Amino acid sequence: MNDTRQDQQGRAGHLARDLTLYLVARFALVGVIAVVLVLLGVPLLVALLVGLVTGLPVGMLLLRGLNARVTAGLAVRNQRRARQRARLRAQLRGEDLPEDDGAIDTDTDAEGR
């Protein structure tokens, strides 16, 4: 159980990095497609539009592993936020706080990230 919690914290800790890499990779893929089309004589605007349309499905295939890491990190973050929300609601009702296996989220900032 402790290994699972550490794995989840590791995924959530790298969420910003993974998301940034994923977005940069998607933009780079669109750019590469557009550059290839421009070199083949297609006008720039048309090449960008074709790059956007074709980059979406191609990116889903080529960047599957990175997409899975981002999705896993978002799931861990959403679970953490749901636990925090449940604790806050319990405090507002004046109830005892639910047990959380002694884990305290010290890596979150004021906005819950």
C-alpha atoms as a PDB file:
ATOM      1  CA  MET A   1       0.000   0.000   0.000  1.00  0.00           C
ATOM      2  CA  ASN A   2       2.870   2.341   0.783  1.00  0.00           C
ATOM      3  CA  ASP A   3       4.430   1.645  -2.632  1.00  0.00           C
ATOM      4  CA  THR A   4       1.138   2.562  -4.307  1.00  0.00           C
ATOM      5  CA  ARG A   5       0.946   5.851  -2.412  1.00  0.00           C
ATOM      6  CA  GLN A   6       4.548   6.720  -3.325  1.00  0.00           C
ATOM      7  CA  ASP A   7       3.855   5.845  -6.973  1.00  0.00           C
ATOM      8  CA  GLN A   8       0.774   8.077  -6.960  1.00  0.00           C
ATOM      9  CA  GLN A   9       2.677  10.947  -5.337  1.00  0.00           C
ATOM     10  CA  GLY A  10       5.416  10.545  -7.943  1.00  0.00           C
ATOM     11  CA  ARG A  11       2.896  10.752 -10.756  1.00  0.00           C
ATOM     12  CA  ALA A  12       1.254  13.819  -9.277  1.00  0.00           C
ATOM     13  CA  GLY A  13       4.639  15.443  -8.663  1.00  0.00           C
ATOM     14  CA  HIS A  14       5.573  15.176 -12.326  1.00  0.00           C
ATOM     15  CA  LEU A  15       2.209  16.280 -13.687  1.00  0.00           C
ATOM     16  CA  ALA A  16       3.338  19.786 -14.657  1.00  0.00           C
ATOM     17  CA  ARG A  17       6.430  18.451 -16.407  1.00  0.00           C
ATOM     18  CA  ASP A  18       4.504  15.719 -18.244  1.00  0.00           C
ATOM     19  CA  LEU A  19       1.741  18.098 -19.287  1.00  0.00           C
ATOM     20  CA  THR A  20       4.258  20.641 -20.577  1.00  0.00           C
ATOM     21  CA  LEU A  21       6.135  17.953 -22.520  1.00  0.00           C
ATOM     22  CA  TYR A  22       2.867  16.680 -23.994  1.00  0.00           C
ATOM     23  CA  LEU A  23       1.762  20.146 -25.139  1.00  0.00           C
ATOM     24  CA  VAL A  24       5.170  20.989 -26.607  1.00  0.00           C
ATOM     25  CA  ALA A  25       5.261  17.631 -28.418  1.00  0.00           C
ATOM     26  CA  ARG A  26       1.788  18.231 -29.874  1.00  0.00           C
ATOM     27  CA  PHE A  27       2.745  21.714 -31.100  1.00  0.00           C
ATOM     28  CA  ALA A  28       6.004  20.365 -32.525  1.00  0.00           C
ATOM     29  CA  LEU A  29       4.092  17.672 -34.397  1.00  0.00           C
ATOM     30  CA  VAL A  30       1.772  20.264 -35.932  1.00  0.00           C
ATOM     31  CA  GLY A  31       4.804  22.398 -36.814  1.00  0.00           C
ATOM     32  CA  VAL A  32       6.636  19.511 -38.479  1.00  0.00           C
ATOM     33  CA  ILE A  33       3.596  18.617 -40.566  1.00  0.00           C
ATOM     34  CA  ALA A  34       3.135  22.274 -41.567  1.00  0.00           C
ATOM     35  CA  VAL A  35       6.824  22.699 -42.491  1.00  0.00           C
ATOM     36  CA  VAL A  36       6.758  19.574 -44.648  1.00  0.00           C
ATOM     37  CA  LEU A  37       3.659  20.817 -46.437  1.00  0.00           C
ATOM     38  CA  VAL A  38       5.149  24.289 -46.956  1.00  0.00           C
ATOM     39  CA  LEU A  39       8.281  22.698 -48.437  1.00  0.00           C
ATOM     40  CA  LEU A  40       5.996  20.813 -50.829  1.00  0.00           C
ATOM     41  CA  GLY A  41       4.494  24.110 -52.006  1.00  0.00           C
ATOM     42  CA  VAL A  42       1.316  24.326 -49.916  1.00  0.00           C
ATOM     43  CA  PRO A  43       0.457  27.849 -48.671  1.00  0.00           C
ATOM     44  CA  LEU A  44       1.371  28.462 -45.019  1.00  0.00           C
ATOM     45  CA  LEU A  45      -2.166  28.974 -43.695  1.00  0.00           C
ATOM     46  CA  VAL A  46      -3.443  25.850 -45.419  1.00  0.00           C
ATOM     47  CA  ALA A  47      -0.413  23.905 -44.165  1.00  0.00           C
ATOM     48  CA  LEU A  48      -1.093  25.014 -40.585  1.00  0.00           C
ATOM     49  CA  LEU A  49      -4.745  24.027 -40.821  1.00  0.00           C
ATOM     50  CA  VAL A  50      -3.884  20.629 -42.295  1.00  0.00           C
ATOM     51  CA  GLY A  51      -1.208  20.235 -39.611  1.00  0.00           C
ATOM     52  CA  LEU A  52      -3.765  20.907 -36.886  1.00  0.00           C
ATOM     53  CA  VAL A  53      -6.311  18.494 -38.331  1.00  0.00           C
ATOM     54  CA  THR A  54      -3.849  15.677 -38.999  1.00  0.00           C
ATOM     55  CA  GLY A  55      -1.768  16.341 -35.883  1.00  0.00           C
ATOM     56  CA  LEU A  56      -4.614  15.413 -33.536  1.00  0.00           C
ATOM     57  CA  PRO A  57      -5.006  11.733 -34.485  1.00  0.00           C
ATOM     58  CA  VAL A  58      -1.313  11.249 -35.267  1.00  0.00           C
ATOM     59  CA  GLY A  59      -0.406  12.745 -31.881  1.00  0.00           C
ATOM     60  CA  MET A  60      -2.762  10.374 -30.117  1.00  0.00           C
ATOM     61  CA  LEU A  61      -0.933   7.460 -31.719  1.00  0.00           C
ATOM     62  CA  LEU A  62       2.648   8.699 -31.396  1.00  0.00           C
ATOM     63  CA  LEU A  63       2.339  10.223 -27.911  1.00  0.00           C
ATOM     64  CA  ARG A  64       0.260   7.459 -26.303  1.00  0.00           C
ATOM     65  CA  GLY A  65       2.714   6.860 -23.423  1.00  0.00           C
ATOM     66  CA  LEU A  66       3.013  10.530 -22.524  1.00  0.00           C
ATOM     67  CA  ASN A  67      -0.749  10.917 -22.734  1.00  0.00           C
ATOM     68  CA  ALA A  68      -1.161   7.990 -20.313  1.00  0.00           C
ATOM     69  CA  ARG A  69       1.261   9.617 -17.838  1.00  0.00           C
ATOM     70  CA  VAL A  70      -0.639  12.919 -17.980  1.00  0.00           C
ATOM     71  CA  THR A  71      -3.955  11.128 -17.512  1.00  0.00           C
ATOM     72  CA  ALA A  72      -2.621   9.158 -14.521  1.00  0.00           C
ATOM     73  CA  GLY A  73      -1.246  12.334 -12.943  1.00  0.00           C
ATOM     74  CA  LEU A  74      -4.571  14.112 -13.381  1.00  0.00           C
ATOM     75  CA  ALA A  75      -6.405  11.167 -11.807  1.00  0.00           C
ATOM     76  CA  VAL A  76      -4.117  11.237  -8.763  1.00  0.00           C
ATOM     77  CA  ARG A  77      -4.565  14.989  -8.408  1.00  0.00           C
ATOM     78  CA  ASN A  78      -8.346  14.653  -8.660  1.00  0.00           C
ATOM     79  CA  GLN A  79      -8.367  11.956  -5.963  1.00  0.00           C
ATOM     80  CA  ARG A  80      -6.303  14.165  -3.656  1.00  0.00           C
ATOM     81  CA  ARG A  81      -8.618  17.114  -4.222  1.00  0.00           C
ATOM     82  CA  ALA A  82     -11.687  14.940  -3.540  1.00  0.00           C
ATOM     83  CA  ARG A  83     -10.159  13.825  -0.207  1.00  0.00           C
ATOM     84  CA  GLN A  84      -9.390  17.431   0.712  1.00  0.00           C
ATOM     85  CA  ARG A  85     -12.934  18.474  -0.203  1.00  0.00           C
ATOM     86  CA  ALA A  86     -14.394  15.667   1.922  1.00  0.00           C
ATOM     87  CA  ARG A  87     -12.243  16.695   4.915  1.00  0.00           C
ATOM     88  CA  LEU A  88     -13.307  20.324   4.532  1.00  0.00           C
ATOM     89  CA  ARG A  89     -16.990  19.411   4.315  1.00  0.00           C
ATOM     90  CA  ALA A  90     -16.651  17.223   7.419  1.00  0.00           C
ATOM     91  CA  GLN A  91     -14.999  20.115   9.279  1.00  0.00           C
ATOM     92  CA  LEU A  92     -17.751  22.502   8.225  1.00  0.00           C
ATOM     93  CA  ARG A  93     -20.394  20.068   9.518  1.00  0.00           C
ATOM     94  CA  GLY A  94     -18.480  19.705  12.773  1.00  0.00           C
ATOM     95  CA  GLU A  95     -17.900  15.995  12.256  1.00  0.00           C
ATOM     96  CA  ASP A  96     -14.785  14.014  13.022  1.00  0.00           C
ATOM     97  CA  LEU A  97     -12.233  14.114  10.250  1.00  0.00           C
ATOM     98  CA  PRO A  98     -12.015  10.947   8.136  1.00  0.00           C
ATOM     99  CA  GLU A  99      -8.835   8.923   8.516  1.00  0.00           C
ATOM    100  CA  ASP A 100      -6.339   9.356   5.675  1.00  0.00           C
ATOM    101  CA  ASP A 101      -3.695   6.748   6.641  1.00  0.00           C
ATOM    102  CA  GLY A 102      -1.588   9.495   8.189  1.00  0.00           C
ATOM    103  CA  ALA A 103      -0.795  11.068   4.817  1.00  0.00           C
ATOM    104  CA  ILE A 104      -0.653  14.826   4.842  1.00  0.00           C
ATOM    105  CA  ASP A 105      -0.380  16.670   1.555  1.00  0.00           C
ATOM    106  CA  THR A 106       2.429  19.108   2.204  1.00  0.00           C
ATOM    107  CA  ASP A 107       3.257  19.587  -1.475  1.00  0.00           C
ATOM    108  CA  THR A 108       0.086  21.503  -2.317  1.00  0.00           C
ATOM    109  CA  ASP A 109      -0.056  25.251  -2.503  1.00  0.00           C
ATOM    110  CA  ALA A 110      -2.899  27.570  -1.554  1.00  0.00           C
ATOM    111  CA  GLU A 111      -4.816  26.727  -4.738  1.00  0.00           C
ATOM    112  CA  GLY A 112      -4.707  22.972  -4.142  1.00  0.00           C
ATOM    113  CA  ARG A 113      -2.198  22.149  -6.869  1.00  0.00           C
END
